[in-house]
Amino acid sequence: MPDKTEALRALELIRESGFFHDADWTMAHEIAQAHEGEPVFDAIHAMLHRLEGDTSNAAYWDRRAGTNFGRHGPEAELKKLEEMVRGI
């Protein structure tokens, strides 16, 4: 079962980063990588790569997660990911 606390922490770090590639982004990325193969974390991983402009890598992680939340900007994507985490 995915770790809800870790997922929420990663999302909090993304919010704290202001959606920019910084130390908080890096910490969120490390959390996502530590849970590779768990759909919620793979979806978070997709968002992180989308934020850094790596759309092909983001698409890879979206395919793994079965998600595609990035079409309406980072705030909307973060909200969708929070909903996904709450559903764990």
PDB file of N, CA and C in Angstrom:
ATOM      1  N   MET A   1       0.852  -1.190   0.000  1.00  0.00           N
ATOM      2  CA  MET A   1       0.000   0.000   0.000  1.00  0.00           C
ATOM      3  C   MET A   1       0.890   1.243   0.000  1.00  0.00           C
ATOM      4  N   PRO A   2       0.573   2.227  -0.839  1.00  0.00           N
ATOM      5  CA  PRO A   2       1.372   3.463  -0.890  1.00  0.00           C
ATOM      6  C   PRO A   2       1.360   4.205   0.448  1.00  0.00           C
ATOM      7  N   ASP A   3       2.432   4.905   0.698  1.00  0.00           N
ATOM      8  CA  ASP A   3       2.589   5.677   1.925  1.00  0.00           C
ATOM      9  C   ASP A   3       1.968   7.055   1.729  1.00  0.00           C
ATOM     10  N   LYS A   4       0.778   7.244   2.280  1.00  0.00           N
ATOM     11  CA  LYS A   4       0.043   8.498   2.117  1.00  0.00           C
ATOM     12  C   LYS A   4       0.832   9.686   2.675  1.00  0.00           C
ATOM     13  N   THR A   5       1.476   9.487   3.816  1.00  0.00           N
ATOM     14  CA  THR A   5       2.244  10.568   4.443  1.00  0.00           C
ATOM     15  C   THR A   5       3.378  11.027   3.535  1.00  0.00           C
ATOM     16  N   GLU A   6       4.103  10.081   2.960  1.00  0.00           N
ATOM     17  CA  GLU A   6       5.199  10.424   2.050  1.00  0.00           C
ATOM     18  C   GLU A   6       4.676  11.136   0.808  1.00  0.00           C
ATOM     19  N   ALA A   7       3.558  10.680   0.272  1.00  0.00           N
ATOM     20  CA  ALA A   7       2.981  11.317  -0.918  1.00  0.00           C
ATOM     21  C   ALA A   7       2.565  12.752  -0.601  1.00  0.00           C
ATOM     22  N   LEU A   8       1.907  12.943   0.528  1.00  0.00           N
ATOM     23  CA  LEU A   8       1.502  14.297   0.910  1.00  0.00           C
ATOM     24  C   LEU A   8       2.708  15.194   1.150  1.00  0.00           C
ATOM     25  N   ARG A   9       3.771  14.645   1.702  1.00  0.00           N
ATOM     26  CA  ARG A   9       4.999  15.422   1.915  1.00  0.00           C
ATOM     27  C   ARG A   9       5.596  15.852   0.577  1.00  0.00           C
ATOM     28  N   ALA A  10       5.619  14.946  -0.394  1.00  0.00           N
ATOM     29  CA  ALA A  10       6.139  15.296  -1.720  1.00  0.00           C
ATOM     30  C   ALA A  10       5.310  16.419  -2.342  1.00  0.00           C
ATOM     31  N   LEU A  11       3.994  16.340  -2.213  1.00  0.00           N
ATOM     32  CA  LEU A  11       3.131  17.384  -2.771  1.00  0.00           C
ATOM     33  C   LEU A  11       3.331  18.711  -2.052  1.00  0.00           C
ATOM     34  N   GLU A  12       3.531  18.660  -0.739  1.00  0.00           N
ATOM     35  CA  GLU A  12       3.806  19.870   0.032  1.00  0.00           C
ATOM     36  C   GLU A  12       5.119  20.513  -0.444  1.00  0.00           C
ATOM     37  N   LEU A  13       6.117  19.695  -0.694  1.00  0.00           N
ATOM     38  CA  LEU A  13       7.397  20.206  -1.176  1.00  0.00           C
ATOM     39  C   LEU A  13       7.254  20.848  -2.556  1.00  0.00           C
ATOM     40  N   ILE A  14       6.437  20.245  -3.405  1.00  0.00           N
ATOM     41  CA  ILE A  14       6.204  20.829  -4.730  1.00  0.00           C
ATOM     42  C   ILE A  14       5.559  22.204  -4.576  1.00  0.00           C
ATOM     43  N   ARG A  15       4.567  22.287  -3.713  1.00  0.00           N
ATOM     44  CA  ARG A  15       3.912  23.581  -3.467  1.00  0.00           C
ATOM     45  C   ARG A  15       4.927  24.596  -2.922  1.00  0.00           C
ATOM     46  N   GLU A  16       5.743  24.162  -1.955  1.00  0.00           N
ATOM     47  CA  GLU A  16       6.738  25.052  -1.359  1.00  0.00           C
ATOM     48  C   GLU A  16       7.785  25.503  -2.370  1.00  0.00           C
ATOM     49  N   SER A  17       8.023  24.701  -3.391  1.00  0.00           N
ATOM     50  CA  SER A  17       9.007  25.061  -4.412  1.00  0.00           C
ATOM     51  C   SER A  17       8.503  26.192  -5.309  1.00  0.00           C
ATOM     52  N   GLY A  18       7.201  26.486  -5.208  1.00  0.00           N
ATOM     53  CA  GLY A  18       6.629  27.478  -6.118  1.00  0.00           C
ATOM     54  C   GLY A  18       6.604  26.969  -7.552  1.00  0.00           C
ATOM     55  N   PHE A  19       6.647  25.640  -7.695  1.00  0.00           N
ATOM     56  CA  PHE A  19       6.657  24.959  -8.993  1.00  0.00           C
ATOM     57  C   PHE A  19       7.945  25.209  -9.774  1.00  0.00           C
ATOM     58  N   PHE A  20       9.041  25.437  -9.043  1.00  0.00           N
ATOM     59  CA  PHE A  20      10.344  25.633  -9.674  1.00  0.00           C
ATOM     60  C   PHE A  20      11.305  24.545  -9.229  1.00  0.00           C
ATOM     61  N   HIS A  21      12.314  24.320 -10.042  1.00  0.00           N
ATOM     62  CA  HIS A  21      13.348  23.328  -9.761  1.00  0.00           C
ATOM     63  C   HIS A  21      14.297  23.911  -8.717  1.00  0.00           C
ATOM     64  N   ASP A  22      14.120  23.509  -7.460  1.00  0.00           N
ATOM     65  CA  ASP A  22      14.952  23.992  -6.361  1.00  0.00           C
ATOM     66  C   ASP A  22      15.164  22.847  -5.374  1.00  0.00           C
ATOM     67  N   ALA A  23      15.635  23.156  -4.175  1.00  0.00           N
ATOM     68  CA  ALA A  23      15.901  22.113  -3.183  1.00  0.00           C
ATOM     69  C   ALA A  23      14.638  21.346  -2.803  1.00  0.00           C
ATOM     70  N   ASP A  24      13.492  22.042  -2.699  1.00  0.00           N
ATOM     71  CA  ASP A  24      12.234  21.353  -2.383  1.00  0.00           C
ATOM     72  C   ASP A  24      11.845  20.405  -3.513  1.00  0.00           C
ATOM     73  N   TRP A  25      12.024  20.853  -4.760  1.00  0.00           N
ATOM     74  CA  TRP A  25      11.756  20.004  -5.929  1.00  0.00           C
ATOM     75  C   TRP A  25      12.613  18.750  -5.823  1.00  0.00           C
ATOM     76  N   THR A  26      13.882  18.929  -5.501  1.00  0.00           N
ATOM     77  CA  THR A  26      14.811  17.797  -5.416  1.00  0.00           C
ATOM     78  C   THR A  26      14.370  16.811  -4.349  1.00  0.00           C
ATOM     79  N   MET A  27      13.947  17.314  -3.207  1.00  0.00           N
ATOM     80  CA  MET A  27      13.481  16.425  -2.135  1.00  0.00           C
ATOM     81  C   MET A  27      12.226  15.667  -2.563  1.00  0.00           C
ATOM     82  N   ALA A  28      11.299  16.354  -3.234  1.00  0.00           N
ATOM     83  CA  ALA A  28      10.086  15.692  -3.722  1.00  0.00           C
ATOM     84  C   ALA A  28      10.448  14.619  -4.746  1.00  0.00           C
ATOM     85  N   HIS A  29      11.424  14.906  -5.592  1.00  0.00           N
ATOM     86  CA  HIS A  29      11.870  13.951  -6.605  1.00  0.00           C
ATOM     87  C   HIS A  29      12.462  12.713  -5.938  1.00  0.00           C
ATOM     88  N   GLU A  30      13.240  12.910  -4.889  1.00  0.00           N
ATOM     89  CA  GLU A  30      13.817  11.780  -4.162  1.00  0.00           C
ATOM     90  C   GLU A  30      12.735  10.899  -3.550  1.00  0.00           C
ATOM     91  N   ILE A  31      11.683  11.518  -3.019  1.00  0.00           N
ATOM     92  CA  ILE A  31      10.562  10.753  -2.471  1.00  0.00           C
ATOM     93  C   ILE A  31       9.898   9.932  -3.570  1.00  0.00           C
ATOM     94  N   ALA A  32       9.623  10.582  -4.702  1.00  0.00           N
ATOM     95  CA  ALA A  32       8.967   9.879  -5.817  1.00  0.00           C
ATOM     96  C   ALA A  32       9.823   8.706  -6.293  1.00  0.00           C
ATOM     97  N   GLN A  33      11.117   8.936  -6.427  1.00  0.00           N
ATOM     98  CA  GLN A  33      12.012   7.866  -6.876  1.00  0.00           C
ATOM     99  C   GLN A  33      12.062   6.705  -5.895  1.00  0.00           C
ATOM    100  N   ALA A  34      11.976   7.000  -4.610  1.00  0.00           N
ATOM    101  CA  ALA A  34      12.034   5.949  -3.595  1.00  0.00           C
ATOM    102  C   ALA A  34      10.819   5.024  -3.648  1.00  0.00           C
ATOM    103  N   HIS A  35       9.751   5.484  -4.303  1.00  0.00           N
ATOM    104  CA  HIS A  35       8.509   4.705  -4.383  1.00  0.00           C
ATOM    105  C   HIS A  35       8.162   4.357  -5.826  1.00  0.00           C
ATOM    106  N   GLU A  36       9.182   4.267  -6.666  1.00  0.00           N
ATOM    107  CA  GLU A  36       8.966   3.951  -8.079  1.00  0.00           C
ATOM    108  C   GLU A  36       8.120   2.687  -8.217  1.00  0.00           C
ATOM    109  N   GLY A  37       7.169   2.748  -9.137  1.00  0.00           N
ATOM    110  CA  GLY A  37       6.289   1.609  -9.380  1.00  0.00           C
ATOM    111  C   GLY A  37       4.955   1.713  -8.668  1.00  0.00           C
ATOM    112  N   GLU A  38       4.835   2.665  -7.741  1.00  0.00           N
ATOM    113  CA  GLU A  38       3.558   2.918  -7.079  1.00  0.00           C
ATOM    114  C   GLU A  38       2.888   4.057  -7.849  1.00  0.00           C
ATOM    115  N   PRO A  39       1.695   3.820  -8.415  1.00  0.00           N
ATOM    116  CA  PRO A  39       1.089   4.797  -9.312  1.00  0.00           C
ATOM    117  C   PRO A  39       1.031   6.232  -8.803  1.00  0.00           C
ATOM    118  N   VAL A  40       0.692   6.443  -7.542  1.00  0.00           N
ATOM    119  CA  VAL A  40       0.595   7.820  -7.051  1.00  0.00           C
ATOM    120  C   VAL A  40       1.957   8.505  -7.097  1.00  0.00           C
ATOM    121  N   PHE A  41       3.009   7.780  -6.763  1.00  0.00           N
ATOM    122  CA  PHE A  41       4.346   8.365  -6.794  1.00  0.00           C
ATOM    123  C   PHE A  41       4.847   8.528  -8.228  1.00  0.00           C
ATOM    124  N   ASP A  42       4.454   7.615  -9.106  1.00  0.00           N
ATOM    125  CA  ASP A  42       4.818   7.782 -10.514  1.00  0.00           C
ATOM    126  C   ASP A  42       4.116   9.010 -11.103  1.00  0.00           C
ATOM    127  N   ALA A  43       2.884   9.281 -10.667  1.00  0.00           N
ATOM    128  CA  ALA A  43       2.169  10.479 -11.110  1.00  0.00           C
ATOM    129  C   ALA A  43       2.845  11.745 -10.582  1.00  0.00           C
ATOM    130  N   ILE A  44       3.298  11.701  -9.338  1.00  0.00           N
ATOM    131  CA  ILE A  44       4.042  12.828  -8.771  1.00  0.00           C
ATOM    132  C   ILE A  44       5.336  13.020  -9.552  1.00  0.00           C
ATOM    133  N   HIS A  45       5.994  11.922  -9.876  1.00  0.00           N
ATOM    134  CA  HIS A  45       7.228  11.956 -10.654  1.00  0.00           C
ATOM    135  C   HIS A  45       6.968  12.631 -12.009  1.00  0.00           C
ATOM    136  N   ALA A  46       5.840  12.322 -12.626  1.00  0.00           N
ATOM    137  CA  ALA A  46       5.479  12.955 -13.901  1.00  0.00           C
ATOM    138  C   ALA A  46       5.368  14.463 -13.740  1.00  0.00           C
ATOM    139  N   MET A  47       4.687  14.893 -12.695  1.00  0.00           N
ATOM    140  CA  MET A  47       4.537  16.333 -12.478  1.00  0.00           C
ATOM    141  C   MET A  47       5.897  17.001 -12.309  1.00  0.00           C
ATOM    142  N   LEU A  48       6.759  16.386 -11.535  1.00  0.00           N
ATOM    143  CA  LEU A  48       8.078  16.968 -11.298  1.00  0.00           C
ATOM    144  C   LEU A  48       8.842  17.172 -12.599  1.00  0.00           C
ATOM    145  N   HIS A  49       8.785  16.185 -13.481  1.00  0.00           N
ATOM    146  CA  HIS A  49       9.494  16.335 -14.759  1.00  0.00           C
ATOM    147  C   HIS A  49       8.804  17.340 -15.672  1.00  0.00           C
ATOM    148  N   ARG A  50       7.498  17.435 -15.581  1.00  0.00           N
ATOM    149  CA  ARG A  50       6.783  18.457 -16.349  1.00  0.00           C
ATOM    150  C   ARG A  50       7.215  19.851 -15.882  1.00  0.00           C
ATOM    151  N   LEU A  51       7.368  20.014 -14.569  1.00  0.00           N
ATOM    152  CA  LEU A  51       7.775  21.308 -14.020  1.00  0.00           C
ATOM    153  C   LEU A  51       9.166  21.718 -14.483  1.00  0.00           C
ATOM    154  N   GLU A  52      10.041  20.743 -14.697  1.00  0.00           N
ATOM    155  CA  GLU A  52      11.392  21.092 -15.143  1.00  0.00           C
ATOM    156  C   GLU A  52      11.462  21.200 -16.666  1.00  0.00           C
ATOM    157  N   GLY A  53      10.335  20.988 -17.341  1.00  0.00           N
ATOM    158  CA  GLY A  53      10.293  21.125 -18.794  1.00  0.00           C
ATOM    159  C   GLY A  53      10.642  19.867 -19.558  1.00  0.00           C
ATOM    160  N   ASP A  54      10.782  18.745 -18.871  1.00  0.00           N
ATOM    161  CA  ASP A  54      11.123  17.477 -19.510  1.00  0.00           C
ATOM    162  C   ASP A  54       9.825  16.723 -19.822  1.00  0.00           C
ATOM    163  N   THR A  55       9.149  17.148 -20.884  1.00  0.00           N
ATOM    164  CA  THR A  55       7.823  16.609 -21.195  1.00  0.00           C
ATOM    165  C   THR A  55       7.862  15.146 -21.622  1.00  0.00           C
ATOM    166  N   SER A  56       8.920  14.708 -22.288  1.00  0.00           N
ATOM    167  CA  SER A  56       8.962  13.304 -22.694  1.00  0.00           C
ATOM    168  C   SER A  56       9.119  12.399 -21.470  1.00  0.00           C
ATOM    169  N   ASN A  57       9.928  12.809 -20.503  1.00  0.00           N
ATOM    170  CA  ASN A  57      10.074  12.035 -19.278  1.00  0.00           C
ATOM    171  C   ASN A  57       8.775  12.076 -18.473  1.00  0.00           C
ATOM    172  N   ALA A  58       8.123  13.228 -18.443  1.00  0.00           N
ATOM    173  CA  ALA A  58       6.825  13.340 -17.761  1.00  0.00           C
ATOM    174  C   ALA A  58       5.811  12.385 -18.388  1.00  0.00           C
ATOM    175  N   ALA A  59       5.792  12.318 -19.714  1.00  0.00           N
ATOM    176  CA  ALA A  59       4.856  11.430 -20.410  1.00  0.00           C
ATOM    177  C   ALA A  59       5.130   9.968 -20.050  1.00  0.00           C
ATOM    178  N   TYR A  60       6.404   9.606 -19.924  1.00  0.00           N
ATOM    179  CA  TYR A  60       6.771   8.247 -19.517  1.00  0.00           C
ATOM    180  C   TYR A  60       6.174   7.915 -18.151  1.00  0.00           C
ATOM    181  N   TRP A  61       6.349   8.830 -17.191  1.00  0.00           N
ATOM    182  CA  TRP A  61       5.835   8.570 -15.845  1.00  0.00           C
ATOM    183  C   TRP A  61       4.316   8.593 -15.817  1.00  0.00           C
ATOM    184  N   ASP A  62       3.696   9.449 -16.621  1.00  0.00           N
ATOM    185  CA  ASP A  62       2.227   9.434 -16.724  1.00  0.00           C
ATOM    186  C   ASP A  62       1.739   8.086 -17.246  1.00  0.00           C
ATOM    187  N   ARG A  63       2.420   7.546 -18.262  1.00  0.00           N
ATOM    188  CA  ARG A  63       2.017   6.233 -18.795  1.00  0.00           C
ATOM    189  C   ARG A  63       2.131   5.173 -17.706  1.00  0.00           C
ATOM    190  N   ARG A  64       3.206   5.205 -16.941  1.00  0.00           N
ATOM    191  CA  ARG A  64       3.386   4.222 -15.864  1.00  0.00           C
ATOM    192  C   ARG A  64       2.304   4.363 -14.800  1.00  0.00           C
ATOM    193  N   ALA A  65       1.917   5.602 -14.501  1.00  0.00           N
ATOM    194  CA  ALA A  65       0.927   5.863 -13.457  1.00  0.00           C
ATOM    195  C   ALA A  65      -0.507   5.717 -13.956  1.00  0.00           C
ATOM    196  N   GLY A  66      -0.682   5.776 -15.280  1.00  0.00           N
ATOM    197  CA  GLY A  66      -2.038   5.755 -15.840  1.00  0.00           C
ATOM    198  C   GLY A  66      -2.739   7.093 -15.634  1.00  0.00           C
ATOM    199  N   THR A  67      -1.967   8.173 -15.616  1.00  0.00           N
ATOM    200  CA  THR A  67      -2.514   9.511 -15.372  1.00  0.00           C
ATOM    201  C   THR A  67      -2.157  10.448 -16.520  1.00  0.00           C
ATOM    202  N   ASN A  68      -2.817  11.595 -16.510  1.00  0.00           N
ATOM    203  CA  ASN A  68      -2.514  12.667 -17.455  1.00  0.00           C
ATOM    204  C   ASN A  68      -3.132  13.942 -16.890  1.00  0.00           C
ATOM    205  N   PHE A  69      -2.573  14.417 -15.788  1.00  0.00           N
ATOM    206  CA  PHE A  69      -3.149  15.552 -15.070  1.00  0.00           C
ATOM    207  C   PHE A  69      -2.550  16.894 -15.473  1.00  0.00           C
ATOM    208  N   GLY A  70      -1.556  16.915 -16.335  1.00  0.00           N
ATOM    209  CA  GLY A  70      -0.798  18.129 -16.591  1.00  0.00           C
ATOM    210  C   GLY A  70      -1.349  19.075 -17.630  1.00  0.00           C
ATOM    211  N   ARG A  71      -2.525  18.857 -18.100  1.00  0.00           N
ATOM    212  CA  ARG A  71      -3.061  19.670 -19.198  1.00  0.00           C
ATOM    213  C   ARG A  71      -3.538  21.047 -18.776  1.00  0.00           C
ATOM    214  N   HIS A  72      -3.789  21.266 -17.505  1.00  0.00           N
ATOM    215  CA  HIS A  72      -4.399  22.529 -17.066  1.00  0.00           C
ATOM    216  C   HIS A  72      -3.521  23.330 -16.114  1.00  0.00           C
ATOM    217  N   GLY A  73      -2.229  23.081 -16.151  1.00  0.00           N
ATOM    218  CA  GLY A  73      -1.295  23.841 -15.327  1.00  0.00           C
ATOM    219  C   GLY A  73      -0.986  23.186 -14.003  1.00  0.00           C
ATOM    220  N   PRO A  74       0.065  23.670 -13.350  1.00  0.00           N
ATOM    221  CA  PRO A  74       0.551  23.011 -12.135  1.00  0.00           C
ATOM    222  C   PRO A  74      -0.407  23.062 -10.949  1.00  0.00           C
ATOM    223  N   GLU A  75      -1.140  24.141 -10.764  1.00  0.00           N
ATOM    224  CA  GLU A  75      -2.091  24.199  -9.633  1.00  0.00           C
ATOM    225  C   GLU A  75      -3.165  23.137  -9.783  1.00  0.00           C
ATOM    226  N   ALA A  76      -3.717  23.018 -10.995  1.00  0.00           N
ATOM    227  CA  ALA A  76      -4.756  22.012 -11.244  1.00  0.00           C
ATOM    228  C   ALA A  76      -4.184  20.608 -11.112  1.00  0.00           C
ATOM    229  N   GLU A  77      -2.964  20.415 -11.590  1.00  0.00           N
ATOM    230  CA  GLU A  77      -2.341  19.100 -11.477  1.00  0.00           C
ATOM    231  C   GLU A  77      -2.103  18.734 -10.010  1.00  0.00           C
ATOM    232  N   LEU A  78      -1.628  19.681  -9.233  1.00  0.00           N
ATOM    233  CA  LEU A  78      -1.397  19.429  -7.814  1.00  0.00           C
ATOM    234  C   LEU A  78      -2.704  19.059  -7.117  1.00  0.00           C
ATOM    235  N   LYS A  79      -3.779  19.739  -7.455  1.00  0.00           N
ATOM    236  CA  LYS A  79      -5.083  19.430  -6.867  1.00  0.00           C
ATOM    237  C   LYS A  79      -5.512  18.001  -7.226  1.00  0.00           C
ATOM    238  N   LYS A  80      -5.328  17.611  -8.469  1.00  0.00           N
ATOM    239  CA  LYS A  80      -5.687  16.248  -8.893  1.00  0.00           C
ATOM    240  C   LYS A  80      -4.838  15.207  -8.153  1.00  0.00           C
ATOM    241  N   LEU A  81      -3.554  15.516  -7.987  1.00  0.00           N
ATOM    242  CA  LEU A  81      -2.694  14.583  -7.259  1.00  0.00           C
ATOM    243  C   LEU A  81      -3.095  14.482  -5.800  1.00  0.00           C
ATOM    244  N   GLU A  82      -3.487  15.600  -5.191  1.00  0.00           N
ATOM    245  CA  GLU A  82      -3.961  15.551  -3.803  1.00  0.00           C
ATOM    246  C   GLU A  82      -5.213  14.693  -3.700  1.00  0.00           C
ATOM    247  N   GLU A  83      -6.115  14.791  -4.681  1.00  0.00           N
ATOM    248  CA  GLU A  83      -7.312  13.962  -4.693  1.00  0.00           C
ATOM    249  C   GLU A  83      -6.929  12.481  -4.831  1.00  0.00           C
ATOM    250  N   MET A  84      -5.954  12.216  -5.671  1.00  0.00           N
ATOM    251  CA  MET A  84      -5.489  10.843  -5.870  1.00  0.00           C
ATOM    252  C   MET A  84      -4.934  10.276  -4.554  1.00  0.00           C
ATOM    253  N   VAL A  85      -4.141  11.067  -3.855  1.00  0.00           N
ATOM    254  CA  VAL A  85      -3.563  10.635  -2.579  1.00  0.00           C
ATOM    255  C   VAL A  85      -4.658  10.398  -1.541  1.00  0.00           C
ATOM    256  N   ARG A  86      -5.619  11.296  -1.487  1.00  0.00           N
ATOM    257  CA  ARG A  86      -6.714  11.123  -0.511  1.00  0.00           C
ATOM    258  C   ARG A  86      -7.480   9.839  -0.769  1.00  0.00           C
ATOM    259  N   GLY A  87      -7.479   9.380  -2.014  1.00  0.00           N
ATOM    260  CA  GLY A  87      -8.198   8.150  -2.365  1.00  0.00           C
ATOM    261  C   GLY A  87      -7.444   6.868  -2.050  1.00  0.00           C
ATOM    262  N   ILE A  88      -6.218   7.000  -1.539  1.00  0.00           N
ATOM    263  CA  ILE A  88      -5.422   5.803  -1.212  1.00  0.00           C
ATOM    264  C   ILE A  88      -6.064   5.074  -0.029  1.00  0.00           C
TER     265      ILE A  88
END
